[in-house]
């Protein structure tokens, strides 16, 4: 009960800060983020949201994303949905009141009081002396860095709004909803493998195998459903066409001198089949008379798309899927260290460019073929480099309490693989530390890639988690202990390399001079300012006992 109250309290704290129930158009969540569609982004209070205890950060993308972390987001989202529904119902039943009360007028006049005059006359919000040349220039705060990071992200988002990158975003939206099932089944698969190797619970392991494999056996259907939904078709028709790919009866079909195999083409074939179904359906909606639409359109959609899928897409997608698996194995077995170095180092720039979304179908194809993706543990090293770089920034800026506070609050999320608060709040706005963080990711990726080259494959049975959160999903070809040790070693290398590169090469002298400044006012300057103000008041007071015409600013 206490946990439910906590989750509801978090949801209740978030709702007014995103503009209330009336401003929310859609609600969804992924592994770590509450994703909101909002009518008016200007109603969002970013800084207040970041101050909510459960909020790790915010990301303004195609949806407004509030980072809550794994586990928490799945519990807060239902409470948030309830509050939004309650808010909408209340607004529908609300009876309009009369004119605004006099309280609003008195509130307006209150804003014209002495505090406002004090600030207008040059008072410092931080309580320091006026900017009369005696005080140092104000330090750059975490809020300023976050603002700079948000501006960089907004500019990059505008650059990423190209047709190709928007298409990649659609592809990502197809697979993101599948991640919870991939994670759950992946963990069960790992548990089952451990029990089989130990020879324990032999009567239970077949049931665990069925639980772990059931979703993967039908993943093409879910991909087809989501694809049709994302591209504007009828979701169930997309699922119906994609189901052909995994139907056991396709083994009886012979064409072009080959026999089809159930699952041939995998998720790529399902994606292509569903996209085709959407276009066939839209064509039918334009040309089929309304009186016949309910009968003809679904029939033609499944028939035409199904025939093309069976006698074309399954063969083509099957070859592409096989090529992806073969290339991944070849890449890491022959040039594992170099490939890992490049993948780990350039993954975050790929994220910035929006190109990382192209990797999602590749990950899913590898999981479908081999049981795990060997690419994800390498790419996860990019986050390790960010953590190491953030630790170095913390030590290099001992006087900037604001940035250090941001790093302390964001590091736990970074260790769990949620890197946005560190990227957009610290390393990217600073510039050089982002590059040195990528260097850390490169060395971590090279470490994991080297072991792949030596024959120890390290993979993940699902996509989504990173950092420490990836440990339960690890799998490989030489036992779980070896796989965990290699991945942990890669994280350690990424932390250390990111730290060393940032500490020694991440700051120019100008950058240190600009940012390594305390936000707290110098006590001697404050005292001098107070003495100066007292003397000034004494000189201008006239006769003893006269009341000064105006108090000093900020009093």
Protein backbone atom coordinates (compact mmCIF):
# COMPACT_ATOMS: atom_id res chain seq x y z
CA UNK A 1 0.00 0.00 0.00
CA UNK A 2 2.83 2.38 0.86
CA UNK A 3 4.49 1.66 -2.51
CA UNK A 4 1.24 2.45 -4.35
CA UNK A 5 0.95 5.73 -2.43
CA UNK A 6 4.54 6.59 -3.36
CA UNK A 7 3.94 5.90 -7.06
CA UNK A 8 0.71 7.88 -7.02
CA UNK A 9 2.46 10.75 -5.27
CA UNK A 10 5.13 10.76 -7.98
CA UNK A 11 2.46 10.79 -10.69
CA UNK A 12 0.58 13.55 -8.87
CA UNK A 13 3.77 15.62 -8.67
CA UNK A 14 4.46 15.19 -12.38
CA UNK A 15 0.99 15.92 -13.79
CA UNK A 16 0.69 19.66 -13.02
CA UNK A 17 4.26 20.22 -14.18
CA UNK A 18 3.42 18.99 -17.70
CA UNK A 19 0.42 21.28 -18.02
CA UNK A 20 -2.26 19.16 -16.34
CA UNK A 21 -4.55 16.47 -17.69
CA UNK A 22 -5.92 18.67 -20.47
CA UNK A 23 -2.42 19.06 -21.96
CA UNK A 24 -1.75 15.30 -22.21
CA UNK A 25 -2.65 13.73 -25.56
CA UNK A 26 -1.01 10.32 -25.18
CA UNK A 27 0.69 8.22 -22.51
CA UNK A 28 3.16 5.37 -22.99
CA UNK A 29 6.31 4.07 -21.38
CA UNK A 30 9.41 2.15 -22.35
CA UNK A 31 11.96 0.51 -20.05
CA UNK A 32 12.99 3.70 -18.24
CA UNK A 33 10.86 6.61 -19.46
CA UNK A 34 7.32 7.91 -19.22
CA UNK A 35 6.60 9.11 -22.77
CA UNK A 36 3.94 11.81 -23.08
CA UNK A 37 2.32 13.37 -26.08
CA UNK A 38 1.60 17.00 -25.15
CA UNK A 39 -0.58 19.59 -26.86
CA UNK A 40 1.54 22.54 -25.72
CA UNK A 41 5.19 22.03 -24.73
CA UNK A 42 5.42 25.59 -23.39
CA UNK A 43 3.30 24.56 -20.38
CA UNK A 44 6.00 22.16 -19.16
CA UNK A 45 8.20 23.20 -16.22
CA UNK A 46 11.44 21.33 -16.96
CA UNK A 47 13.35 22.48 -13.90
CA UNK A 48 10.55 21.66 -11.48
CA UNK A 49 10.21 18.22 -13.06
CA UNK A 50 13.90 17.54 -12.59
CA UNK A 51 13.48 18.45 -8.92
CA UNK A 52 10.86 15.73 -8.35
CA UNK A 53 12.70 13.05 -6.28
CA UNK A 54 11.83 10.11 -8.54
CA UNK A 55 12.71 11.92 -11.79
CA UNK A 56 16.21 11.21 -13.12
CA UNK A 57 15.96 13.59 -16.06
CA UNK A 58 13.82 14.73 -18.97
CA UNK A 59 14.25 14.36 -22.73
CA UNK A 60 12.34 16.53 -25.20
CA UNK A 61 12.00 14.47 -28.36
CA UNK A 62 9.08 13.52 -30.60
CA UNK A 63 7.39 12.75 -27.29
CA UNK A 64 8.17 14.41 -23.97
CA UNK A 65 10.10 11.78 -22.01
CA UNK A 66 10.49 11.73 -18.23
CA UNK A 67 13.26 9.39 -17.09
CA UNK A 68 12.10 7.44 -14.03
CA UNK A 69 14.30 4.37 -14.29
CA UNK A 70 13.56 0.65 -14.75
CA UNK A 71 10.77 -0.71 -12.58
CA UNK A 72 9.63 2.68 -11.33
CA UNK A 73 8.25 3.77 -14.69
CA UNK A 74 6.06 0.66 -14.98
CA UNK A 75 4.48 1.47 -11.60
CA UNK A 76 4.11 5.21 -11.99
CA UNK A 77 2.57 5.09 -15.49
CA UNK A 78 -0.72 3.40 -14.46
CA UNK A 79 -1.12 5.88 -11.61
CA UNK A 80 -0.43 8.74 -14.01
CA UNK A 81 -3.04 7.39 -16.43
CA UNK A 82 -5.62 7.23 -13.62
CA UNK A 83 -4.90 10.82 -12.60
CA UNK A 84 -5.22 12.03 -16.18
CA UNK A 85 -8.58 10.25 -16.56
CA UNK A 86 -9.76 11.70 -13.25
CA UNK A 87 -8.63 15.17 -14.30
CA UNK A 88 -10.45 14.96 -17.62
CA UNK A 89 -13.61 13.70 -15.96
CA UNK A 90 -13.48 16.51 -13.41
CA UNK A 91 -13.01 19.15 -16.10
CA UNK A 92 -16.00 17.80 -18.03
CA UNK A 93 -18.19 18.07 -14.94
CA UNK A 94 -16.80 21.43 -13.86
CA UNK A 95 -19.38 24.23 -13.66
CA UNK A 96 -17.88 27.56 -14.75
CA UNK A 97 -17.60 30.06 -11.91
CA UNK A 98 -18.15 33.81 -12.01
CA UNK A 99 -15.57 36.48 -12.67
CA UNK A 100 -12.12 36.19 -11.22
CA UNK A 101 -11.98 36.89 -7.52
CA UNK A 102 -10.30 39.91 -6.00
CA UNK A 103 -7.55 37.60 -4.84
CA UNK A 104 -6.03 37.67 -8.28
CA UNK A 105 -5.87 41.43 -8.21
CA UNK A 106 -4.27 41.45 -4.82
CA UNK A 107 -1.87 38.80 -6.02
CA UNK A 108 -0.82 41.05 -8.86
CA UNK A 109 -0.17 43.93 -6.55
CA UNK A 110 1.82 41.70 -4.24
CA UNK A 111 4.33 41.17 -7.00
CA UNK A 112 5.13 44.88 -6.93
CA UNK A 113 6.42 44.78 -3.35
CA UNK A 114 9.85 45.52 -1.95
CA UNK A 115 11.36 42.17 -3.01
CA UNK A 116 10.60 42.97 -6.63
CA UNK A 117 12.08 46.45 -6.23
CA UNK A 118 15.15 44.96 -4.65
CA UNK A 119 15.85 42.71 -7.63
CA UNK A 120 15.14 45.47 -10.09
CA UNK A 121 17.61 47.73 -8.34
CA UNK A 122 20.43 45.31 -8.82
CA UNK A 123 20.09 42.81 -5.97
CA UNK A 124 21.63 39.39 -6.46
CA UNK A 125 19.26 36.42 -6.38
CA UNK A 126 21.94 34.36 -4.70
CA UNK A 127 22.31 36.91 -1.91
CA UNK A 128 25.70 38.18 -3.05
CA UNK A 129 26.70 41.80 -3.52
CA UNK A 130 25.56 43.85 -6.46
CA UNK A 131 27.53 43.54 -9.66
CA UNK A 132 29.59 46.69 -9.11
CA UNK A 133 32.91 45.27 -10.13
CA UNK A 134 33.86 44.02 -6.67
CA UNK A 135 32.36 40.54 -7.12
CA UNK A 136 33.63 37.85 -9.49
CA UNK A 137 31.67 36.92 -12.59
CA UNK A 138 28.87 34.47 -11.79
CA UNK A 139 29.73 30.80 -12.12
CA UNK A 140 28.23 28.63 -14.82
CA UNK A 141 25.59 26.51 -13.12
CA UNK A 142 24.14 23.10 -13.83
CA UNK A 143 20.96 24.86 -14.98
CA UNK A 144 22.92 26.80 -17.59
CA UNK A 145 24.62 23.63 -18.76
CA UNK A 146 21.27 21.85 -18.95
CA UNK A 147 19.87 24.74 -20.96
CA UNK A 148 22.81 24.58 -23.33
CA UNK A 149 22.38 20.82 -23.61
CA UNK A 150 18.68 21.24 -24.37
CA UNK A 151 19.51 23.79 -27.07
CA UNK A 152 22.06 21.44 -28.61
CA UNK A 153 19.50 18.64 -28.54
CA UNK A 154 16.85 20.86 -30.11
CA UNK A 155 19.20 21.84 -32.94
CA UNK A 156 20.17 18.22 -33.49
CA UNK A 157 16.52 17.19 -33.41
CA UNK A 158 15.76 19.72 -36.15
CA UNK A 159 18.64 18.34 -38.24
CA UNK A 160 17.35 14.80 -37.67
CA UNK A 161 13.90 15.59 -39.07
CA UNK A 162 14.83 14.19 -42.49
CA UNK A 163 12.61 11.63 -44.26
CA UNK A 164 15.19 8.86 -43.76
CA UNK A 165 15.65 9.52 -40.04
CA UNK A 166 11.91 9.88 -39.50
CA UNK A 167 11.56 6.49 -41.18
CA UNK A 168 14.15 5.06 -38.79
CA UNK A 169 12.18 6.51 -35.90
CA UNK A 170 9.10 4.67 -37.14
CA UNK A 171 11.11 1.46 -37.22
CA UNK A 172 12.24 2.06 -33.64
CA UNK A 173 8.64 2.67 -32.56
CA UNK A 174 7.75 -0.78 -33.89
CA UNK A 175 10.26 -2.59 -31.70
CA UNK A 176 10.33 -0.49 -28.51
CA UNK A 177 6.95 -1.86 -27.25
CA UNK A 178 8.38 -5.40 -27.55
CA UNK A 179 11.29 -4.73 -25.18
CA UNK A 180 9.53 -5.71 -21.91
CA UNK A 181 8.62 -9.13 -23.32
CA UNK A 182 12.15 -9.58 -24.71
CA UNK A 183 13.61 -8.80 -21.30
CA UNK A 184 11.23 -11.04 -19.36
CA UNK A 185 11.69 -13.99 -21.71
CA UNK A 186 15.44 -13.37 -21.87
CA UNK A 187 15.83 -13.55 -18.09
CA UNK A 188 13.74 -16.73 -17.96
CA UNK A 189 15.92 -18.20 -20.72
CA UNK A 190 19.05 -17.39 -18.72
CA UNK A 191 17.57 -18.94 -15.56
CA UNK A 192 16.57 -22.03 -17.50
CA UNK A 193 20.03 -22.40 -19.00
CA UNK A 194 21.59 -22.16 -15.54
CA UNK A 195 19.26 -24.84 -14.15
CA UNK A 196 19.93 -27.14 -17.12
CA UNK A 197 23.70 -26.79 -16.70
CA UNK A 198 23.42 -27.54 -12.99
CA UNK A 199 21.03 -30.43 -13.54
CA UNK A 200 18.49 -28.92 -11.12
CA UNK A 201 14.68 -29.00 -11.32
CA UNK A 202 14.63 -31.18 -14.41
CA UNK A 203 10.83 -31.38 -14.31
CA UNK A 204 10.52 -27.60 -14.38
CA UNK A 205 13.08 -26.65 -17.04
CA UNK A 206 10.89 -27.76 -20.00
CA UNK A 207 8.17 -25.41 -18.78
CA UNK A 208 10.69 -22.57 -18.42
CA UNK A 209 11.94 -23.27 -21.94
CA UNK A 210 8.40 -22.95 -23.27
CA UNK A 211 7.92 -19.65 -21.45
CA UNK A 212 11.22 -18.29 -22.75
CA UNK A 213 10.70 -19.42 -26.34
CA UNK A 214 6.98 -18.83 -26.85
CA UNK A 215 7.26 -15.11 -27.48
CA UNK A 216 10.26 -15.43 -29.77
CA UNK A 217 8.43 -18.08 -31.81
CA UNK A 218 5.66 -15.57 -32.51
CA UNK A 219 7.59 -12.30 -32.46
CA UNK A 220 6.94 -11.84 -36.18
CA UNK A 221 3.21 -11.51 -35.46
CA UNK A 222 3.80 -8.73 -32.93
CA UNK A 223 6.17 -6.96 -35.31
CA UNK A 224 3.55 -7.12 -38.06
CA UNK A 225 0.87 -5.76 -35.74
CA UNK A 226 3.01 -2.82 -34.57
CA UNK A 227 4.22 -2.10 -38.11
CA UNK A 228 0.71 -1.73 -39.49
CA UNK A 229 -0.22 0.45 -36.52
CA UNK A 230 2.82 2.71 -37.00
CA UNK A 231 2.35 3.10 -40.76
CA UNK A 232 -1.36 3.90 -40.55
CA UNK A 233 -2.98 0.59 -41.41
CA UNK A 234 -5.22 -1.82 -39.51
CA UNK A 235 -2.94 -3.47 -36.92
CA UNK A 236 -4.64 -6.86 -36.91
CA UNK A 237 -4.27 -7.18 -40.69
CA UNK A 238 -0.54 -6.51 -40.37
CA UNK A 239 -0.35 -9.22 -37.70
CA UNK A 240 -2.35 -11.63 -39.86
CA UNK A 241 0.00 -11.25 -42.83
CA UNK A 242 3.10 -11.52 -40.66
CA UNK A 243 1.71 -14.68 -39.04
CA UNK A 244 2.16 -16.45 -42.37
CA UNK A 245 5.92 -16.34 -41.83
CA UNK A 246 5.82 -18.40 -38.62
CA UNK A 247 2.99 -20.77 -39.65
CA UNK A 248 4.32 -24.36 -39.66
CA UNK A 249 2.40 -25.16 -42.86
CA UNK A 250 4.74 -23.06 -45.00
CA UNK A 251 7.12 -26.02 -44.88
CA UNK A 252 4.85 -27.67 -47.49
CA UNK A 253 5.32 -24.84 -49.98
CA UNK A 254 7.89 -25.30 -52.75
CA UNK A 255 8.93 -22.50 -55.09
CA UNK A 256 11.98 -21.58 -57.16
CA UNK A 257 13.46 -24.99 -56.43
CA UNK A 258 13.44 -24.36 -52.67
CA UNK A 259 11.29 -25.33 -49.73
CA UNK A 260 10.23 -22.64 -47.29
CA UNK A 261 10.97 -23.02 -43.59
CA UNK A 262 8.74 -21.64 -40.82
CA UNK A 263 10.19 -18.37 -39.57
CA UNK A 264 12.24 -17.79 -42.71
CA UNK A 265 12.84 -14.06 -43.06
CA UNK A 266 12.10 -13.46 -39.38
CA UNK A 267 11.28 -9.99 -38.12
CA UNK A 268 12.57 -8.33 -41.28
CA UNK A 269 10.18 -10.37 -43.39
CA UNK A 270 7.34 -9.58 -40.99
CA UNK A 271 8.14 -5.87 -41.17
CA UNK A 272 8.19 -5.89 -44.96
CA UNK A 273 4.98 -7.95 -45.18
CA UNK A 274 3.11 -5.61 -42.85
CA UNK A 275 4.27 -2.47 -44.68
CA UNK A 276 3.06 -4.03 -47.94
CA UNK A 277 -0.25 -4.88 -46.29
CA UNK A 278 -0.69 -1.24 -45.24
CA UNK A 279 -0.23 0.02 -48.79
CA UNK A 280 -2.57 -2.63 -50.23
CA UNK A 281 -5.18 -1.75 -47.61
CA UNK A 282 -4.92 1.98 -48.35
CA UNK A 283 -5.28 1.30 -52.07
CA UNK A 284 -8.38 -0.77 -51.40
CA UNK A 285 -9.90 1.94 -49.21
CA UNK A 286 -9.62 4.36 -52.14
CA UNK A 287 -11.08 2.14 -54.84
CA UNK A 288 -13.42 -0.40 -53.24
CA UNK A 289 -17.03 0.82 -52.88
CA UNK A 290 -18.07 1.50 -49.30
CA UNK A 291 -20.80 -1.15 -49.43
CA UNK A 292 -18.21 -3.84 -50.17
CA UNK A 293 -15.31 -2.44 -48.16
CA UNK A 294 -15.85 -4.51 -45.03
CA UNK A 295 -15.63 -7.73 -47.07
CA UNK A 296 -13.30 -6.94 -49.94
CA UNK A 297 -10.58 -4.81 -48.34
CA UNK A 298 -9.44 -7.27 -45.62
CA UNK A 299 -9.59 -10.16 -48.07
CA UNK A 300 -7.53 -8.48 -50.76
CA UNK A 301 -5.09 -7.13 -48.18
CA UNK A 302 -4.28 -10.56 -46.74
CA UNK A 303 -4.44 -12.32 -50.14
CA UNK A 304 -2.17 -9.98 -52.12
CA UNK A 305 0.27 -9.31 -49.29
CA UNK A 306 0.31 -12.97 -48.31
CA UNK A 307 1.17 -14.17 -51.82
CA UNK A 308 3.96 -11.63 -52.19
CA UNK A 309 5.27 -12.59 -48.74
CA UNK A 310 5.29 -16.34 -49.46
CA UNK A 311 6.72 -16.19 -52.96
CA UNK A 312 9.04 -13.23 -52.53
CA UNK A 313 9.63 -11.55 -49.19
CA UNK A 314 10.35 -14.70 -47.19
CA UNK A 315 13.16 -15.62 -49.58
CA UNK A 316 14.65 -12.12 -49.77
CA UNK A 317 14.33 -11.36 -46.06
CA UNK A 318 15.72 -14.81 -45.23
CA UNK A 319 18.88 -14.06 -47.21
CA UNK A 320 19.23 -10.62 -45.61
CA UNK A 321 18.77 -12.05 -42.10
CA UNK A 322 21.36 -14.74 -42.73
CA UNK A 323 23.77 -12.14 -44.10
CA UNK A 324 23.36 -10.00 -40.95
CA UNK A 325 24.20 -12.93 -38.69
CA UNK A 326 27.12 -14.02 -40.83
CA UNK A 327 28.54 -10.49 -41.03
CA UNK A 328 28.25 -9.92 -37.26
CA UNK A 329 30.07 -13.19 -36.56
CA UNK A 330 32.76 -12.43 -39.13
CA UNK A 331 33.24 -8.85 -37.94
CA UNK A 332 33.85 -9.81 -34.30
CA UNK A 333 35.76 -13.01 -34.96
CA UNK A 334 38.29 -11.39 -37.32
CA UNK A 335 38.51 -7.80 -36.13
CA UNK A 336 36.82 -7.93 -32.74
CA UNK A 337 39.05 -5.48 -30.88
CA UNK A 338 39.07 -2.88 -33.66
CA UNK A 339 35.37 -3.32 -34.40
CA UNK A 340 34.53 -3.04 -30.72
CA UNK A 341 36.68 0.08 -30.41
CA UNK A 342 34.84 1.77 -33.28
CA UNK A 343 31.36 0.64 -32.22
CA UNK A 344 31.87 1.67 -28.60
CA UNK A 345 33.42 4.99 -29.54
CA UNK A 346 30.98 6.08 -32.22
CA UNK A 347 27.72 4.83 -30.73
CA UNK A 348 26.85 8.08 -28.92
CA UNK A 349 27.49 10.20 -32.04
CA UNK A 350 25.18 7.77 -33.87
CA UNK A 351 22.57 8.41 -31.18
CA UNK A 352 23.02 12.16 -31.66
CA UNK A 353 22.45 11.73 -35.39
CA UNK A 354 19.43 9.49 -34.87
CA UNK A 355 21.04 6.62 -36.79
CA UNK A 356 21.20 4.20 -33.85
CA UNK A 357 17.57 3.27 -34.47
CA UNK A 358 18.67 1.32 -37.54
CA UNK A 359 20.40 -1.13 -35.18
CA UNK A 360 17.17 -2.23 -33.45
CA UNK A 361 16.00 -4.64 -36.20
CA UNK A 362 19.57 -5.96 -36.41
CA UNK A 363 19.63 -6.68 -32.67
CA UNK A 364 16.25 -8.41 -32.89
CA UNK A 365 17.33 -10.47 -35.90
CA UNK A 366 20.46 -11.67 -34.07
CA UNK A 367 18.42 -12.58 -30.98
CA UNK A 368 15.98 -14.47 -33.17
CA UNK A 369 18.77 -16.36 -34.95
CA UNK A 370 21.39 -16.93 -32.26
CA UNK A 371 19.52 -16.38 -28.99
CA UNK A 372 21.47 -13.19 -28.18
CA UNK A 373 22.90 -10.09 -29.82
CA UNK A 374 26.67 -9.71 -29.60
CA UNK A 375 26.48 -6.03 -30.50
CA UNK A 376 24.59 -4.68 -27.49
CA UNK A 377 27.23 -5.39 -24.77
CA UNK A 378 29.80 -3.57 -26.93
CA UNK A 379 27.54 -0.59 -27.53
CA UNK A 380 26.73 -0.46 -23.80
CA UNK A 381 30.34 0.53 -23.18
CA UNK A 382 29.50 4.02 -24.48
CA UNK A 383 27.56 4.56 -21.26
CA UNK A 384 30.53 3.39 -19.19
CA UNK A 385 32.67 6.06 -20.83
CA UNK A 386 30.09 8.69 -19.86
CA UNK A 387 30.15 7.56 -16.22
CA UNK A 388 33.94 7.74 -16.08
CA UNK A 389 33.95 11.15 -17.73
CA UNK A 390 31.34 12.47 -15.28
CA UNK A 391 33.47 11.32 -12.33
CA UNK A 392 36.44 13.22 -13.79
CA UNK A 393 34.35 16.36 -14.30
CA UNK A 394 33.27 16.09 -10.67
CA UNK A 395 36.88 16.13 -9.50
CA UNK A 396 38.07 18.76 -11.98
CA UNK A 397 35.41 21.28 -10.94
CA UNK A 398 35.67 21.20 -7.13
CA UNK A 399 34.31 24.74 -6.74
CA UNK A 400 31.23 24.42 -8.94
CA UNK A 401 28.73 23.00 -6.47
CA UNK A 402 25.86 23.16 -8.96
CA UNK A 403 27.45 20.92 -11.59
CA UNK A 404 28.81 18.56 -8.94
CA UNK A 405 25.31 18.21 -7.49
CA UNK A 406 23.93 17.35 -10.93
CA UNK A 407 26.60 14.68 -11.41
CA UNK A 408 25.94 13.13 -8.01
CA UNK A 409 22.23 12.88 -8.73
CA UNK A 410 22.71 11.54 -12.28
CA UNK A 411 25.49 9.00 -11.64
CA UNK A 412 23.23 6.24 -10.21
CA UNK A 413 21.06 6.44 -13.32
CA UNK A 414 24.20 6.40 -15.48
CA UNK A 415 25.44 3.24 -13.79
CA UNK A 416 22.10 1.61 -14.65
CA UNK A 417 22.44 2.62 -18.29
CA UNK A 418 20.28 5.77 -18.31
CA UNK A 419 22.77 8.19 -19.78
CA UNK A 420 20.74 11.21 -20.92
CA UNK A 421 21.09 13.24 -17.69
CA UNK A 422 24.88 12.97 -17.87
CA UNK A 423 25.07 13.52 -21.62
CA UNK A 424 22.75 16.52 -21.95
CA UNK A 425 23.35 17.90 -18.48
CA UNK A 426 27.14 17.60 -18.25
CA UNK A 427 29.40 16.22 -20.98
CA UNK A 428 27.81 17.45 -24.21
CA UNK A 429 27.39 21.11 -23.16
CA UNK A 430 30.99 21.15 -21.91
CA UNK A 431 32.22 19.89 -25.29
CA UNK A 432 35.54 18.16 -24.72
CA UNK A 433 34.29 15.82 -21.97
CA UNK A 434 31.77 14.38 -24.44
CA UNK A 435 34.61 13.45 -26.80
CA UNK A 436 36.74 11.98 -24.03
CA UNK A 437 33.70 10.03 -22.79
CA UNK A 438 33.45 8.51 -26.28
CA UNK A 439 37.12 7.55 -25.96
CA UNK A 440 36.26 5.69 -22.76
CA UNK A 441 33.44 3.87 -24.57
CA UNK A 442 35.84 2.96 -27.37
CA UNK A 443 38.30 1.29 -25.00
CA UNK A 444 35.51 -0.58 -23.21
CA UNK A 445 34.09 -1.75 -26.54
CA UNK A 446 37.55 -2.79 -27.70
CA UNK A 447 37.99 -4.89 -24.54
CA UNK A 448 34.73 -6.80 -25.07
CA UNK A 449 35.41 -7.09 -28.81
CA UNK A 450 38.84 -8.56 -28.14
CA UNK A 451 37.34 -11.46 -26.23
CA UNK A 452 34.85 -12.01 -29.03
CA UNK A 453 37.81 -12.21 -31.38
CA UNK A 454 39.41 -14.77 -29.06
CA UNK A 455 36.29 -16.93 -29.18
CA UNK A 456 34.37 -15.81 -26.08
CA UNK A 457 31.12 -14.40 -27.41
CA UNK A 458 29.38 -11.98 -25.04
CA UNK A 459 25.77 -11.23 -25.89
CA UNK A 460 22.45 -10.02 -24.54
CA UNK A 461 19.19 -11.95 -24.79
CA UNK A 462 17.18 -8.70 -25.05
CA UNK A 463 17.55 -5.06 -26.02
CA UNK A 464 16.83 -1.96 -23.96
CA UNK A 465 18.81 -2.18 -20.72
CA UNK A 466 22.43 -1.14 -20.47
CA UNK A 467 25.07 -0.64 -17.79
CA UNK A 468 24.55 -2.73 -14.67
CA UNK A 469 20.94 -3.43 -15.70
CA UNK A 470 22.26 -5.64 -18.51
CA UNK A 471 23.83 -8.24 -16.19
CA UNK A 472 20.67 -10.42 -15.83
CA UNK A 473 20.34 -10.61 -19.63
CA UNK A 474 23.89 -11.68 -20.48
CA UNK A 475 24.52 -14.87 -22.42
CA UNK A 476 27.44 -16.31 -24.35
CA UNK A 477 29.10 -19.41 -25.69
CA UNK A 478 31.43 -20.22 -22.77
CA UNK A 479 29.30 -20.17 -19.66
CA UNK A 480 27.60 -17.45 -17.67
CA UNK A 481 30.53 -16.82 -15.31
CA UNK A 482 32.93 -16.08 -18.14
CA UNK A 483 30.38 -13.88 -19.90
CA UNK A 484 29.69 -11.82 -16.77
CA UNK A 485 33.41 -11.42 -16.06
CA UNK A 486 34.15 -10.13 -19.58
CA UNK A 487 31.25 -7.68 -19.53
CA UNK A 488 32.20 -6.42 -16.06
CA UNK A 489 35.79 -6.02 -17.24
CA UNK A 490 34.59 -3.98 -20.20
CA UNK A 491 32.59 -1.68 -17.93
CA UNK A 492 35.62 -1.21 -15.68
CA UNK A 493 37.84 -0.39 -18.66
CA UNK A 494 35.23 2.08 -19.94
CA UNK A 495 34.98 3.77 -16.53
CA UNK A 496 38.75 4.08 -16.15
CA UNK A 497 39.46 5.13 -19.74
CA UNK A 498 36.67 7.71 -19.69
CA UNK A 499 37.92 9.07 -16.37
CA UNK A 500 41.59 9.26 -17.39
CA UNK A 501 40.87 10.77 -20.82
CA UNK A 502 38.58 13.42 -19.33
CA UNK A 503 40.70 14.23 -16.29
CA UNK A 504 43.86 14.84 -18.33
CA UNK A 505 42.52 15.93 -21.73
CA UNK A 506 38.90 16.96 -21.18
CA UNK A 507 39.54 20.51 -20.00
CA UNK A 508 41.44 23.39 -21.50
CA UNK A 509 42.71 26.07 -19.14
CA UNK A 510 40.05 28.44 -20.46
CA UNK A 511 37.32 25.89 -19.74
CA UNK A 512 38.59 25.38 -16.20
CA UNK A 513 38.75 29.13 -15.62
CA UNK A 514 35.21 29.53 -16.89
CA UNK A 515 33.54 26.68 -14.99
CA UNK A 516 35.65 26.02 -11.88
CA UNK A 517 34.17 28.98 -10.02
CA UNK A 518 32.17 28.78 -6.83
CA UNK A 519 28.57 29.92 -6.84
CA UNK A 520 28.79 30.92 -3.21
CA UNK A 521 29.61 34.62 -2.67
CA UNK A 522 33.01 35.44 -1.22
CA UNK A 523 32.44 36.18 2.53
CA UNK A 524 35.05 38.98 2.50
CA UNK A 525 33.31 40.65 -0.45
CA UNK A 526 29.93 40.30 1.21
CA UNK A 527 31.30 41.82 4.45
CA UNK A 528 32.95 44.63 2.49
CA UNK A 529 29.70 45.27 0.69
CA UNK A 530 27.81 45.35 3.97
CA UNK A 531 30.32 47.80 5.50
CA UNK A 532 30.16 49.98 2.41
CA UNK A 533 26.37 49.97 2.53
CA UNK A 534 26.38 50.86 6.24
CA UNK A 535 28.76 53.74 5.71
CA UNK A 536 26.70 54.98 2.81
CA UNK A 537 23.53 54.83 4.90
CA UNK A 538 25.24 56.74 7.74
CA UNK A 539 26.45 59.47 5.40
CA UNK A 540 23.09 59.92 3.80
CA UNK A 541 20.92 59.62 6.89
CA UNK A 542 20.82 63.32 7.81
CA UNK A 543 20.20 63.66 11.52
CA UNK A 544 20.50 60.74 13.90
CA UNK A 545 17.34 58.71 14.18
CA UNK A 546 16.07 59.58 10.71
CA UNK A 547 14.59 56.65 8.82
CA UNK A 548 16.30 55.94 5.50
CA UNK A 549 14.16 56.69 2.48
CA UNK A 550 14.76 53.20 1.01
CA UNK A 551 16.20 49.95 2.31
CA UNK A 552 19.16 48.36 0.57
CA UNK A 553 18.23 45.98 -2.26
CA UNK A 554 17.48 42.48 -1.17
CA UNK A 555 16.65 43.30 2.47
